[in-house]
Amino acid sequence: MKPKNAIFYPGCFYHIYNRGNNRENLFYKQENYHYFLRRYNYYLNEFLQTYAYCLLPNHFHLLIKVRDEKDLPGFKNLEGLSYQISKKFSDFFNSYAKAINKQENRVGSLFQKPFKRIHIDNYKYLLTVLYYIHANPQLHGLINDFRNWPYSSYGKFLEAKKSHLPRQEILNWFGSIEEYRLFHNHIPKLQNIGLDDY
C-alpha cells in the first residue's frame, strides 16, 4: 500500500484526493465546481502543473506534477517546499470552505483532514491513475459513461481550447488524440492503486 501523505519533491507526479467531512457534499451547484477550480489555480498554479482532475459531489481527484526547482517561487530546500505546498492546499481548502459555508449557511470543517497525496513513481502507475481519475464518476455509479461527466479533464484534451492543462504533453504520451481515446476504452487493472473507498 502506498503512503497517502507523501513528501512533495520537485519534478515529481502525485495523485491528490480528498472528500467532504463526514462524506458530505463539497459541491452543491454547478458554479461551485468552476469556483473550486478557479480557487485551486489561484493558490497552487505557481507550484503545480495539473495533468488531470475529476470533481464529484462529495470528493475530488487531481493528477499533478510539482514544478521543477528553477520554476518554484522561493525554493530553498525540500522540507520547506513540502510544507509550502501543503500550506497552499490548506489555504485553498479554507478559502473554498468559507464560500460554501456562507452559501449553504453551514458551519464547521468542509474537508477531511489531512488531504491525501500519493507519489507516482512509474509510468504504468501514472497512466493507471489518469484513467482512474477520469473514470471515477462511472466507477461510483454517478453516470453510465464517464466521458460525459462535465467536471472532469477527460474532454479537455479533445478540445483545442486554451487551458491550464498540458494538452500536448498528455497527447504525446499516447501519440495522438485517437490513441488517447482508445486508451480510455480499455479498463486497466485498478487494484493496488492505493485507495480505500474513494
C-alpha atoms as a PDB file:
ATOM      1  CA  MET A   1       0.000   0.000   0.000  1.00  0.00           C
ATOM      2  CA  LYS A   2       1.432   3.367  -0.999  1.00  0.00           C
ATOM      3  CA  PRO A   3       1.705   6.073   1.712  1.00  0.00           C
ATOM      4  CA  LYS A   4      -1.009   8.732   1.492  1.00  0.00           C
ATOM      5  CA  ASN A   5       0.952  11.633   2.973  1.00  0.00           C
ATOM      6  CA  ALA A   6       3.937  11.645   0.611  1.00  0.00           C
ATOM      7  CA  ILE A   7       6.523  14.425   0.691  1.00  0.00           C
ATOM      8  CA  PHE A   8       6.411  16.761  -2.301  1.00  0.00           C
ATOM      9  CA  TYR A   9       9.538  16.723  -4.490  1.00  0.00           C
ATOM     10  CA  PRO A  10      10.294  18.985  -7.470  1.00  0.00           C
ATOM     11  CA  GLY A  11       9.501  17.440 -10.843  1.00  0.00           C
ATOM     12  CA  CYS A  12       7.508  14.523  -9.369  1.00  0.00           C
ATOM     13  CA  PHE A  13       3.942  13.379 -10.074  1.00  0.00           C
ATOM     14  CA  TYR A  14       1.301  12.929  -7.355  1.00  0.00           C
ATOM     15  CA  HIS A  15      -2.283  11.764  -7.038  1.00  0.00           C
ATOM     16  CA  ILE A  16      -4.103  14.231  -4.774  1.00  0.00           C
ATOM     17  CA  TYR A  17      -7.561  13.457  -3.414  1.00  0.00           C
ATOM     18  CA  ASN A  18      -9.907  14.371  -0.610  1.00  0.00           C
ATOM     19  CA  ARG A  19     -13.580  14.305   0.286  1.00  0.00           C
ATOM     20  CA  GLY A  20     -16.143  16.162   2.313  1.00  0.00           C
ATOM     21  CA  ASN A  21     -16.038  15.881   6.077  1.00  0.00           C
ATOM     22  CA  ASN A  22     -18.373  13.053   7.157  1.00  0.00           C
ATOM     23  CA  ARG A  23     -18.704  12.344   3.420  1.00  0.00           C
ATOM     24  CA  GLU A  24     -20.856  15.448   2.990  1.00  0.00           C
ATOM     25  CA  ASN A  25     -21.023  17.231  -0.336  1.00  0.00           C
ATOM     26  CA  LEU A  26     -18.316  19.626  -1.467  1.00  0.00           C
ATOM     27  CA  PHE A  27     -20.329  20.863  -4.446  1.00  0.00           C
ATOM     28  CA  TYR A  28     -23.959  21.958  -4.352  1.00  0.00           C
ATOM     29  CA  LYS A  29     -24.359  23.964  -7.555  1.00  0.00           C
ATOM     30  CA  GLN A  30     -22.767  23.929 -10.998  1.00  0.00           C
ATOM     31  CA  GLU A  31     -20.947  27.169 -10.208  1.00  0.00           C
ATOM     32  CA  ASN A  32     -19.275  25.527  -7.190  1.00  0.00           C
ATOM     33  CA  TYR A  33     -17.293  23.205  -9.462  1.00  0.00           C
ATOM     34  CA  HIS A  34     -15.991  26.135 -11.510  1.00  0.00           C
ATOM     35  CA  TYR A  35     -15.241  28.182  -8.403  1.00  0.00           C
ATOM     36  CA  PHE A  36     -13.293  25.263  -6.921  1.00  0.00           C
ATOM     37  CA  LEU A  37     -11.025  25.121  -9.998  1.00  0.00           C
ATOM     38  CA  ARG A  38     -10.523  28.898 -10.024  1.00  0.00           C
ATOM     39  CA  ARG A  39      -9.541  28.933  -6.349  1.00  0.00           C
ATOM     40  CA  TYR A  40      -7.272  25.911  -6.879  1.00  0.00           C
ATOM     41  CA  ASN A  41      -5.445  27.604  -9.750  1.00  0.00           C
ATOM     42  CA  TYR A  42      -5.153  30.836  -7.779  1.00  0.00           C
ATOM     43  CA  TYR A  43      -3.438  29.185  -4.807  1.00  0.00           C
ATOM     44  CA  LEU A  44      -1.449  26.392  -6.438  1.00  0.00           C
ATOM     45  CA  ASN A  45      -0.685  27.171 -10.076  1.00  0.00           C
ATOM     46  CA  GLU A  46       2.747  28.604  -9.159  1.00  0.00           C
ATOM     47  CA  PHE A  47       3.788  25.334  -7.541  1.00  0.00           C
ATOM     48  CA  LEU A  48       1.977  22.635  -9.505  1.00  0.00           C
ATOM     49  CA  GLN A  49       1.160  21.671 -13.067  1.00  0.00           C
ATOM     50  CA  THR A  50      -2.222  19.935 -13.214  1.00  0.00           C
ATOM     51  CA  TYR A  51      -2.460  16.987 -15.608  1.00  0.00           C
ATOM     52  CA  ALA A  52      -5.942  15.668 -14.815  1.00  0.00           C
ATOM     53  CA  TYR A  53      -8.855  16.294 -12.477  1.00  0.00           C
ATOM     54  CA  CYS A  54     -12.288  14.997 -11.641  1.00  0.00           C
ATOM     55  CA  LEU A  55     -14.730  16.678  -9.280  1.00  0.00           C
ATOM     56  CA  LEU A  56     -17.601  14.641  -7.843  1.00  0.00           C
ATOM     57  CA  PRO A  57     -20.331  15.790  -5.448  1.00  0.00           C
ATOM     58  CA  ASN A  58     -18.513  14.732  -2.263  1.00  0.00           C
ATOM     59  CA  HIS A  59     -14.870  14.245  -3.326  1.00  0.00           C
ATOM     60  CA  PHE A  60     -12.253  15.121  -5.925  1.00  0.00           C
ATOM     61  CA  HIS A  61      -9.129  13.731  -7.594  1.00  0.00           C
ATOM     62  CA  LEU A  62      -6.148  15.547  -9.094  1.00  0.00           C
ATOM     63  CA  LEU A  63      -3.121  14.331 -11.018  1.00  0.00           C
ATOM     64  CA  ILE A  64      -0.385  16.905 -10.535  1.00  0.00           C
ATOM     65  CA  LYS A  65       3.320  17.416 -11.095  1.00  0.00           C
ATOM     66  CA  VAL A  66       5.370  19.655  -8.811  1.00  0.00           C
ATOM     67  CA  ARG A  67       7.210  22.237 -10.877  1.00  0.00           C
ATOM     68  CA  ASP A  68      10.991  21.961 -11.295  1.00  0.00           C
ATOM     69  CA  GLU A  69      13.232  23.717  -8.764  1.00  0.00           C
ATOM     70  CA  LYS A  70      14.091  26.554 -11.161  1.00  0.00           C
ATOM     71  CA  ASP A  71      10.393  27.320 -11.644  1.00  0.00           C
ATOM     72  CA  LEU A  72       9.373  27.225  -7.978  1.00  0.00           C
ATOM     73  CA  PRO A  73       8.925  30.570  -6.198  1.00  0.00           C
ATOM     74  CA  GLY A  74      11.363  31.000  -3.313  1.00  0.00           C
ATOM     75  CA  PHE A  75      12.631  27.401  -3.387  1.00  0.00           C
ATOM     76  CA  LYS A  76      15.189  26.767  -0.611  1.00  0.00           C
ATOM     77  CA  ASN A  77      15.010  23.118   0.435  1.00  0.00           C
ATOM     78  CA  LEU A  78      12.850  20.036   0.074  1.00  0.00           C
ATOM     79  CA  GLU A  79      11.416  20.157   3.592  1.00  0.00           C
ATOM     80  CA  GLY A  80      10.414  23.776   3.146  1.00  0.00           C
ATOM     81  CA  LEU A  81       8.872  23.030  -0.248  1.00  0.00           C
ATOM     82  CA  SER A  82       6.643  20.248   1.045  1.00  0.00           C
ATOM     83  CA  TYR A  83       5.454  22.468   3.898  1.00  0.00           C
ATOM     84  CA  GLN A  84       4.878  25.369   1.496  1.00  0.00           C
ATOM     85  CA  ILE A  85       2.747  23.302  -0.898  1.00  0.00           C
ATOM     86  CA  SER A  86       0.779  21.723   1.952  1.00  0.00           C
ATOM     87  CA  LYS A  87       0.152  25.222   3.340  1.00  0.00           C
ATOM     88  CA  LYS A  88      -1.076  26.398  -0.066  1.00  0.00           C
ATOM     89  CA  PHE A  89      -3.506  23.469  -0.183  1.00  0.00           C
ATOM     90  CA  SER A  90      -4.702  24.370   3.311  1.00  0.00           C
ATOM     91  CA  ASP A  91      -5.232  27.995   2.272  1.00  0.00           C
ATOM     92  CA  PHE A  92      -7.107  26.832  -0.813  1.00  0.00           C
ATOM     93  CA  PHE A  93      -9.373  24.484   1.158  1.00  0.00           C
ATOM     94  CA  ASN A  94     -10.098  27.185   3.734  1.00  0.00           C
ATOM     95  CA  SER A  95     -10.932  29.733   1.052  1.00  0.00           C
ATOM     96  CA  TYR A  96     -13.299  27.373  -0.734  1.00  0.00           C
ATOM     97  CA  ALA A  97     -14.880  26.169   2.527  1.00  0.00           C
ATOM     98  CA  LYS A  98     -15.657  29.738   3.632  1.00  0.00           C
ATOM     99  CA  ALA A  99     -17.531  30.373   0.387  1.00  0.00           C
ATOM    100  CA  ILE A 100     -19.521  27.122   0.631  1.00  0.00           C
ATOM    101  CA  ASN A 101     -20.301  27.626   4.319  1.00  0.00           C
ATOM    102  CA  LYS A 102     -21.660  31.068   3.522  1.00  0.00           C
ATOM    103  CA  GLN A 103     -23.637  29.784   0.539  1.00  0.00           C
ATOM    104  CA  GLU A 104     -25.135  26.841   2.440  1.00  0.00           C
ATOM    105  CA  ASN A 105     -25.469  28.596   5.803  1.00  0.00           C
ATOM    106  CA  ARG A 106     -23.342  25.892   7.419  1.00  0.00           C
ATOM    107  CA  VAL A 107     -20.506  25.913   9.959  1.00  0.00           C
ATOM    108  CA  GLY A 108     -17.534  23.683  10.645  1.00  0.00           C
ATOM    109  CA  SER A 109     -14.967  21.861   8.576  1.00  0.00           C
ATOM    110  CA  LEU A 110     -15.886  21.113   4.966  1.00  0.00           C
ATOM    111  CA  PHE A 111     -12.956  18.824   4.042  1.00  0.00           C
ATOM    112  CA  GLN A 112     -11.493  15.761   5.693  1.00  0.00           C
ATOM    113  CA  LYS A 113      -8.032  16.307   7.152  1.00  0.00           C
ATOM    114  CA  PRO A 114      -5.362  15.696   6.112  1.00  0.00           C
ATOM    115  CA  PHE A 115      -5.782  15.593   2.349  1.00  0.00           C
ATOM    116  CA  LYS A 116      -4.254  12.525   0.673  1.00  0.00           C
ATOM    117  CA  ARG A 117      -1.313  12.560  -1.721  1.00  0.00           C
ATOM    118  CA  ILE A 118       0.378   9.552  -3.287  1.00  0.00           C
ATOM    119  CA  HIS A 119       3.725   9.780  -5.058  1.00  0.00           C
ATOM    120  CA  ILE A 120       3.559   8.278  -8.563  1.00  0.00           C
ATOM    121  CA  ASP A 121       6.871   6.550  -9.185  1.00  0.00           C
ATOM    122  CA  ASN A 122       6.474   4.849 -12.562  1.00  0.00           C
ATOM    123  CA  TYR A 123       4.890   5.405 -15.964  1.00  0.00           C
ATOM    124  CA  LYS A 124       2.443   2.481 -15.784  1.00  0.00           C
ATOM    125  CA  TYR A 125       1.081   3.723 -12.471  1.00  0.00           C
ATOM    126  CA  LEU A 126       0.851   7.251 -13.910  1.00  0.00           C
ATOM    127  CA  LEU A 127      -1.393   6.075 -16.755  1.00  0.00           C
ATOM    128  CA  THR A 128      -3.484   3.948 -14.374  1.00  0.00           C
ATOM    129  CA  VAL A 129      -4.115   6.977 -12.151  1.00  0.00           C
ATOM    130  CA  LEU A 130      -5.003   9.084 -15.203  1.00  0.00           C
ATOM    131  CA  TYR A 131      -7.617   6.528 -16.222  1.00  0.00           C
ATOM    132  CA  TYR A 132      -8.895   6.083 -12.663  1.00  0.00           C
ATOM    133  CA  ILE A 133      -9.408   9.824 -12.235  1.00  0.00           C
ATOM    134  CA  HIS A 134     -11.310  10.174 -15.495  1.00  0.00           C
ATOM    135  CA  ALA A 135     -13.393   7.015 -14.937  1.00  0.00           C
ATOM    136  CA  ASN A 136     -14.278   7.897 -11.337  1.00  0.00           C
ATOM    137  CA  PRO A 137     -17.862   9.130 -11.933  1.00  0.00           C
ATOM    138  CA  GLN A 138     -18.743   5.876 -13.683  1.00  0.00           C
ATOM    139  CA  LEU A 139     -16.931   3.746 -11.090  1.00  0.00           C
ATOM    140  CA  HIS A 140     -19.122   5.403  -8.436  1.00  0.00           C
ATOM    141  CA  GLY A 141     -22.302   4.876 -10.445  1.00  0.00           C
ATOM    142  CA  LEU A 142     -22.952   8.582 -10.967  1.00  0.00           C
ATOM    143  CA  ILE A 143     -23.139   8.275 -14.755  1.00  0.00           C
ATOM    144  CA  ASN A 144     -23.234   5.485 -17.330  1.00  0.00           C
ATOM    145  CA  ASP A 145     -20.307   6.830 -19.369  1.00  0.00           C
ATOM    146  CA  PHE A 146     -17.587   8.849 -17.659  1.00  0.00           C
ATOM    147  CA  ARG A 147     -16.797  10.589 -20.960  1.00  0.00           C
ATOM    148  CA  ASN A 148     -19.963  12.628 -20.457  1.00  0.00           C
ATOM    149  CA  TRP A 149     -19.139  13.830 -16.924  1.00  0.00           C
ATOM    150  CA  PRO A 150     -18.906  17.630 -17.151  1.00  0.00           C
ATOM    151  CA  TYR A 151     -16.471  18.190 -14.243  1.00  0.00           C
ATOM    152  CA  SER A 152     -13.536  16.158 -15.498  1.00  0.00           C
ATOM    153  CA  SER A 153     -10.466  16.872 -17.603  1.00  0.00           C
ATOM    154  CA  TYR A 154     -11.148  13.922 -19.946  1.00  0.00           C
ATOM    155  CA  GLY A 155     -12.780  16.012 -22.664  1.00  0.00           C
ATOM    156  CA  LYS A 156     -10.393  18.938 -22.287  1.00  0.00           C
ATOM    157  CA  PHE A 157      -7.682  17.004 -24.147  1.00  0.00           C
ATOM    158  CA  LEU A 158     -10.038  16.502 -27.089  1.00  0.00           C
ATOM    159  CA  GLU A 159     -10.548  20.258 -27.482  1.00  0.00           C
ATOM    160  CA  ALA A 160      -8.162  22.835 -28.911  1.00  0.00           C
ATOM    161  CA  LYS A 161      -9.245  25.443 -26.361  1.00  0.00           C
ATOM    162  CA  LYS A 162      -6.583  27.042 -24.188  1.00  0.00           C
ATOM    163  CA  SER A 163      -6.464  25.741 -20.608  1.00  0.00           C
ATOM    164  CA  HIS A 164      -4.117  25.244 -17.652  1.00  0.00           C
ATOM    165  CA  LEU A 165      -3.686  21.592 -18.637  1.00  0.00           C
ATOM    166  CA  PRO A 166      -0.602  20.485 -20.647  1.00  0.00           C
ATOM    167  CA  ARG A 167      -2.749  19.173 -23.506  1.00  0.00           C
ATOM    168  CA  GLN A 168       0.014  18.459 -26.000  1.00  0.00           C
ATOM    169  CA  GLU A 169       2.233  16.756 -23.433  1.00  0.00           C
ATOM    170  CA  ILE A 170      -0.584  14.406 -22.415  1.00  0.00           C
ATOM    171  CA  LEU A 171      -1.414  13.595 -26.041  1.00  0.00           C
ATOM    172  CA  ASN A 172       2.288  12.925 -26.671  1.00  0.00           C
ATOM    173  CA  TRP A 173       2.119  10.194 -24.005  1.00  0.00           C
ATOM    174  CA  PHE A 174      -0.275   8.356 -26.316  1.00  0.00           C
ATOM    175  CA  GLY A 175       0.913   9.563 -29.719  1.00  0.00           C
ATOM    176  CA  SER A 176      -2.386  11.025 -30.886  1.00  0.00           C
ATOM    177  CA  ILE A 177      -5.904  12.029 -29.864  1.00  0.00           C
ATOM    178  CA  GLU A 178      -7.200   8.744 -31.259  1.00  0.00           C
ATOM    179  CA  GLU A 179      -4.785   6.701 -29.106  1.00  0.00           C
ATOM    180  CA  TYR A 180      -5.835   8.798 -26.096  1.00  0.00           C
ATOM    181  CA  ARG A 181      -9.472   7.869 -26.837  1.00  0.00           C
ATOM    182  CA  LEU A 182      -8.597   4.196 -27.316  1.00  0.00           C
ATOM    183  CA  PHE A 183      -6.709   4.088 -24.026  1.00  0.00           C
ATOM    184  CA  HIS A 184      -9.838   5.215 -22.215  1.00  0.00           C
ATOM    185  CA  ASN A 185     -11.862   2.483 -23.940  1.00  0.00           C
ATOM    186  CA  HIS A 186      -9.865  -0.271 -22.246  1.00  0.00           C
ATOM    187  CA  ILE A 187     -10.231  -0.535 -18.496  1.00  0.00           C
ATOM    188  CA  PRO A 188      -6.832  -1.181 -16.881  1.00  0.00           C
ATOM    189  CA  LYS A 189      -6.457  -3.187 -13.685  1.00  0.00           C
ATOM    190  CA  LEU A 190      -7.232  -0.770 -10.860  1.00  0.00           C
ATOM    191  CA  GLN A 191      -6.338  -2.932  -7.877  1.00  0.00           C
ATOM    192  CA  ASN A 192      -3.440  -1.759  -5.692  1.00  0.00           C
ATOM    193  CA  ILE A 193      -3.963   1.808  -6.805  1.00  0.00           C
ATOM    194  CA  GLY A 194      -3.500   2.855  -3.179  1.00  0.00           C
ATOM    195  CA  LEU A 195      -7.055   3.956  -2.345  1.00  0.00           C
ATOM    196  CA  ASP A 196      -9.545   2.689   0.187  1.00  0.00           C
ATOM    197  CA  ASP A 197     -13.085   3.689  -0.733  1.00  0.00           C
ATOM    198  CA  TYR A 198     -12.569   6.664  -2.995  1.00  0.00           C
END
